[in-house]
Amino acid sequence: MHLIVGGAFQGKTAYAKSAYPDLRWCDGSICELDDIWEAEGVLHLEAWIFRWMRAEENKARQRKEKISCQAEEEVGRLVRRLIEANPNRVIVCTEIGYGLVPVDAFDRAYRETVGRICTVIAGKAAAVDRIVCGINTRIKEM
């Protein structure tokens, strides 16, 4: 697996698509939630996580249950499924953990969940690149 991270509008997508021009990409901001499992490359993982958390929140609300999508075991299941479905996947994710801590509880949980998911993915990935101003820096290579 290859994880590509960086701030907003830093050239992550352009870098990923030039490094992997033949991959079948899934854009996490607009794809169907289930499309991610079959994709060879995932753009905007952070947007997909936001949409997934909102969907899980809505399901829990309809069942009048406690929201569990940010629970440790749920995040672990999500990451395991992502890795097991395609261990050679390329994942592009915007870093959202910098700056002011959000006031809204959901936004704080979202920010933490993205960070936790990326931490696990980075630990399992063969390579991790950080993109700044369109320039990649390899921060992990196995």
C-alpha atoms as a PDB file:
ATOM      1  CA  MET A   1       0.000   0.000   0.000  1.00  0.00           C
ATOM      2  CA  HIS A   2       1.089   3.576  -0.682  1.00  0.00           C
ATOM      3  CA  LEU A   3      -0.245   6.476   1.400  1.00  0.00           C
ATOM      4  CA  ILE A   4       0.065  10.007   0.018  1.00  0.00           C
ATOM      5  CA  VAL A   5      -0.720  12.834   2.455  1.00  0.00           C
ATOM      6  CA  GLY A   6      -0.439  16.603   2.533  1.00  0.00           C
ATOM      7  CA  GLY A   7      -2.353  19.783   3.147  1.00  0.00           C
ATOM      8  CA  ALA A   8      -5.259  20.999   1.058  1.00  0.00           C
ATOM      9  CA  PHE A   9      -4.440  21.992  -2.527  1.00  0.00           C
ATOM     10  CA  GLN A  10      -0.801  20.903  -2.312  1.00  0.00           C
ATOM     11  CA  GLY A  11      -0.754  18.712  -5.440  1.00  0.00           C
ATOM     12  CA  LYS A  12      -1.488  15.294  -3.945  1.00  0.00           C
ATOM     13  CA  THR A  13      -3.933  14.245  -6.666  1.00  0.00           C
ATOM     14  CA  ALA A  14      -1.671  15.403  -9.503  1.00  0.00           C
ATOM     15  CA  TYR A  15       1.287  13.590  -7.953  1.00  0.00           C
ATOM     16  CA  ALA A  16      -0.693  10.378  -7.404  1.00  0.00           C
ATOM     17  CA  LYS A  17      -2.148  10.348 -10.912  1.00  0.00           C
ATOM     18  CA  SER A  18       1.256  10.996 -12.502  1.00  0.00           C
ATOM     19  CA  ALA A  19       2.914   8.287 -10.391  1.00  0.00           C
ATOM     20  CA  TYR A  20       0.082   5.806 -11.076  1.00  0.00           C
ATOM     21  CA  PRO A  21      -1.486   6.782 -14.431  1.00  0.00           C
ATOM     22  CA  ASP A  22      -3.164   3.429 -15.076  1.00  0.00           C
ATOM     23  CA  LEU A  23      -4.984   2.963 -11.771  1.00  0.00           C
ATOM     24  CA  ARG A  24      -8.749   2.869 -11.461  1.00  0.00           C
ATOM     25  CA  TRP A  25      -9.365   5.774  -9.070  1.00  0.00           C
ATOM     26  CA  CYS A  26     -12.260   6.341  -6.696  1.00  0.00           C
ATOM     27  CA  ASP A  27     -12.894   9.916  -5.518  1.00  0.00           C
ATOM     28  CA  GLY A  28     -14.016   9.680  -1.903  1.00  0.00           C
ATOM     29  CA  SER A  29     -15.852  12.982  -2.105  1.00  0.00           C
ATOM     30  CA  ILE A  30     -18.316  11.808  -4.764  1.00  0.00           C
ATOM     31  CA  CYS A  31     -18.188   8.016  -5.191  1.00  0.00           C
ATOM     32  CA  GLU A  32     -20.750   5.614  -3.806  1.00  0.00           C
ATOM     33  CA  LEU A  33     -19.586   4.593  -0.333  1.00  0.00           C
ATOM     34  CA  ASP A  34     -19.142   0.953  -1.394  1.00  0.00           C
ATOM     35  CA  ASP A  35     -17.020   1.864  -4.453  1.00  0.00           C
ATOM     36  CA  ILE A  36     -13.974   2.341  -2.239  1.00  0.00           C
ATOM     37  CA  TRP A  37     -13.587  -1.394  -1.598  1.00  0.00           C
ATOM     38  CA  GLU A  38     -12.974  -2.184  -5.287  1.00  0.00           C
ATOM     39  CA  ALA A  39     -10.846   0.847  -6.197  1.00  0.00           C
ATOM     40  CA  GLU A  40      -7.138   0.496  -6.905  1.00  0.00           C
ATOM     41  CA  GLY A  41      -6.584   4.091  -5.850  1.00  0.00           C
ATOM     42  CA  VAL A  42      -8.571   6.307  -3.486  1.00  0.00           C
ATOM     43  CA  LEU A  43      -8.548  10.098  -3.712  1.00  0.00           C
ATOM     44  CA  HIS A  44      -9.875  12.256  -0.854  1.00  0.00           C
ATOM     45  CA  LEU A  45     -10.017   9.519   1.770  1.00  0.00           C
ATOM     46  CA  GLU A  46     -10.832  12.222   4.338  1.00  0.00           C
ATOM     47  CA  ALA A  47     -14.009  13.152   2.406  1.00  0.00           C
ATOM     48  CA  TRP A  48     -15.035   9.497   2.211  1.00  0.00           C
ATOM     49  CA  ILE A  49     -14.522   9.139   5.976  1.00  0.00           C
ATOM     50  CA  PHE A  50     -16.708  12.220   6.568  1.00  0.00           C
ATOM     51  CA  ARG A  51     -19.482  10.792   4.386  1.00  0.00           C
ATOM     52  CA  TRP A  52     -19.148   7.334   5.994  1.00  0.00           C
ATOM     53  CA  MET A  53     -19.351   8.807   9.512  1.00  0.00           C
ATOM     54  CA  ARG A  54     -22.431  10.862   8.592  1.00  0.00           C
ATOM     55  CA  ALA A  55     -24.094   7.767   7.100  1.00  0.00           C
ATOM     56  CA  GLU A  56     -23.303   5.730  10.232  1.00  0.00           C
ATOM     57  CA  GLU A  57     -24.580   8.568  12.417  1.00  0.00           C
ATOM     58  CA  ASN A  58     -27.854   8.670  10.463  1.00  0.00           C
ATOM     59  CA  LYS A  59     -28.289   4.881  10.691  1.00  0.00           C
ATOM     60  CA  ALA A  60     -27.710   4.953  14.454  1.00  0.00           C
ATOM     61  CA  ARG A  61     -30.146   7.833  14.867  1.00  0.00           C
ATOM     62  CA  GLN A  62     -32.837   5.923  12.935  1.00  0.00           C
ATOM     63  CA  ARG A  63     -32.321   2.882  15.179  1.00  0.00           C
ATOM     64  CA  LYS A  64     -32.147   5.139  18.253  1.00  0.00           C
ATOM     65  CA  GLU A  65     -28.733   3.689  19.097  1.00  0.00           C
ATOM     66  CA  LYS A  66     -25.525   5.267  20.269  1.00  0.00           C
ATOM     67  CA  ILE A  67     -23.295   6.464  17.436  1.00  0.00           C
ATOM     68  CA  SER A  68     -20.321   4.105  17.233  1.00  0.00           C
ATOM     69  CA  CYS A  69     -18.542   5.012  13.992  1.00  0.00           C
ATOM     70  CA  GLN A  70     -15.650   6.656  15.833  1.00  0.00           C
ATOM     71  CA  ALA A  71     -15.306   3.767  18.282  1.00  0.00           C
ATOM     72  CA  GLU A  72     -11.888   2.126  18.266  1.00  0.00           C
ATOM     73  CA  GLU A  73     -13.179  -1.281  17.136  1.00  0.00           C
ATOM     74  CA  GLU A  74     -15.266   0.228  14.324  1.00  0.00           C
ATOM     75  CA  VAL A  75     -12.276   2.190  13.006  1.00  0.00           C
ATOM     76  CA  GLY A  76     -10.150  -0.956  13.243  1.00  0.00           C
ATOM     77  CA  ARG A  77     -12.697  -2.954  11.237  1.00  0.00           C
ATOM     78  CA  LEU A  78     -12.841  -0.238   8.594  1.00  0.00           C
ATOM     79  CA  VAL A  79      -9.056  -0.128   8.167  1.00  0.00           C
ATOM     80  CA  ARG A  80      -8.737  -3.926   8.118  1.00  0.00           C
ATOM     81  CA  ARG A  81     -11.407  -4.137   5.437  1.00  0.00           C
ATOM     82  CA  LEU A  82      -9.699  -1.421   3.395  1.00  0.00           C
ATOM     83  CA  ILE A  83      -6.349  -3.215   3.574  1.00  0.00           C
ATOM     84  CA  GLU A  84      -7.701  -6.742   3.051  1.00  0.00           C
ATOM     85  CA  ALA A  85      -9.798  -5.722   0.044  1.00  0.00           C
ATOM     86  CA  ASN A  86      -6.661  -4.531  -1.761  1.00  0.00           C
ATOM     87  CA  PRO A  87      -3.297  -4.481   0.038  1.00  0.00           C
ATOM     88  CA  ASN A  88      -1.674  -2.749  -2.972  1.00  0.00           C
ATOM     89  CA  ARG A  89      -4.065   0.200  -2.946  1.00  0.00           C
ATOM     90  CA  VAL A  90      -2.852   3.798  -3.299  1.00  0.00           C
ATOM     91  CA  ILE A  91      -4.567   6.153  -0.847  1.00  0.00           C
ATOM     92  CA  VAL A  92      -4.518   9.946  -1.030  1.00  0.00           C
ATOM     93  CA  CYS A  93      -5.660  11.867   2.041  1.00  0.00           C
ATOM     94  CA  THR A  94      -5.632  15.508   3.085  1.00  0.00           C
ATOM     95  CA  GLU A  95      -4.120  16.225   6.492  1.00  0.00           C
ATOM     96  CA  ILE A  96      -6.880  17.795   8.569  1.00  0.00           C
ATOM     97  CA  GLY A  97      -5.389  17.600  12.058  1.00  0.00           C
ATOM     98  CA  TYR A  98      -3.648  20.967  12.079  1.00  0.00           C
ATOM     99  CA  GLY A  99      -5.013  24.320  13.150  1.00  0.00           C
ATOM    100  CA  LEU A 100      -7.818  25.085  15.551  1.00  0.00           C
ATOM    101  CA  VAL A 101      -9.679  22.263  17.237  1.00  0.00           C
ATOM    102  CA  PRO A 102     -13.298  22.319  16.007  1.00  0.00           C
ATOM    103  CA  VAL A 103     -16.018  23.393  18.433  1.00  0.00           C
ATOM    104  CA  ASP A 104     -18.551  20.927  16.999  1.00  0.00           C
ATOM    105  CA  ALA A 105     -18.381  17.437  18.559  1.00  0.00           C
ATOM    106  CA  PHE A 106     -18.908  15.662  15.228  1.00  0.00           C
ATOM    107  CA  ASP A 107     -16.126  17.679  13.589  1.00  0.00           C
ATOM    108  CA  ARG A 108     -13.743  16.837  16.448  1.00  0.00           C
ATOM    109  CA  ALA A 109     -14.612  13.132  16.164  1.00  0.00           C
ATOM    110  CA  TYR A 110     -14.172  13.299  12.379  1.00  0.00           C
ATOM    111  CA  ARG A 111     -10.760  14.946  12.696  1.00  0.00           C
ATOM    112  CA  GLU A 112      -9.645  12.348  15.240  1.00  0.00           C
ATOM    113  CA  THR A 113     -10.998   9.452  13.169  1.00  0.00           C
ATOM    114  CA  VAL A 114      -9.168  10.583  10.020  1.00  0.00           C
ATOM    115  CA  GLY A 115      -5.957  10.865  12.026  1.00  0.00           C
ATOM    116  CA  ARG A 116      -6.355   7.433  13.587  1.00  0.00           C
ATOM    117  CA  ILE A 117      -7.176   5.783  10.260  1.00  0.00           C
ATOM    118  CA  CYS A 118      -4.204   7.412   8.522  1.00  0.00           C
ATOM    119  CA  THR A 119      -1.911   6.405  11.396  1.00  0.00           C
ATOM    120  CA  VAL A 120      -2.876   2.739  11.005  1.00  0.00           C
ATOM    121  CA  ILE A 121      -2.641   2.883   7.205  1.00  0.00           C
ATOM    122  CA  ALA A 122       0.791   4.545   7.407  1.00  0.00           C
ATOM    123  CA  GLY A 123       1.949   1.815   9.751  1.00  0.00           C
ATOM    124  CA  LYS A 124       0.883  -0.890   7.289  1.00  0.00           C
ATOM    125  CA  ALA A 125       1.914   0.935   4.091  1.00  0.00           C
ATOM    126  CA  ALA A 126       5.045   0.042   2.151  1.00  0.00           C
ATOM    127  CA  ALA A 127       5.505   3.719   1.271  1.00  0.00           C
ATOM    128  CA  VAL A 128       4.263   7.039   2.634  1.00  0.00           C
ATOM    129  CA  ASP A 129       4.802  10.330   0.809  1.00  0.00           C
ATOM    130  CA  ARG A 130       4.037  13.843   2.021  1.00  0.00           C
ATOM    131  CA  ILE A 131       3.301  16.411  -0.672  1.00  0.00           C
ATOM    132  CA  VAL A 132       3.991  20.122  -0.121  1.00  0.00           C
ATOM    133  CA  CYS A 133       3.768  22.635  -2.983  1.00  0.00           C
ATOM    134  CA  GLY A 134       3.608  19.747  -5.450  1.00  0.00           C
ATOM    135  CA  ILE A 135       6.905  18.280  -4.209  1.00  0.00           C
ATOM    136  CA  ASN A 136       6.916  14.848  -2.639  1.00  0.00           C
ATOM    137  CA  THR A 137       9.015  13.801   0.312  1.00  0.00           C
ATOM    138  CA  ARG A 138       9.191  10.082   1.013  1.00  0.00           C
ATOM    139  CA  ILE A 139       8.720   9.728   4.759  1.00  0.00           C
ATOM    140  CA  LYS A 140       8.498   5.929   4.842  1.00  0.00           C
ATOM    141  CA  GLU A 141       9.754   3.194   2.560  1.00  0.00           C
ATOM    142  CA  MET A 142       9.992  -0.519   3.208  1.00  0.00           C
END
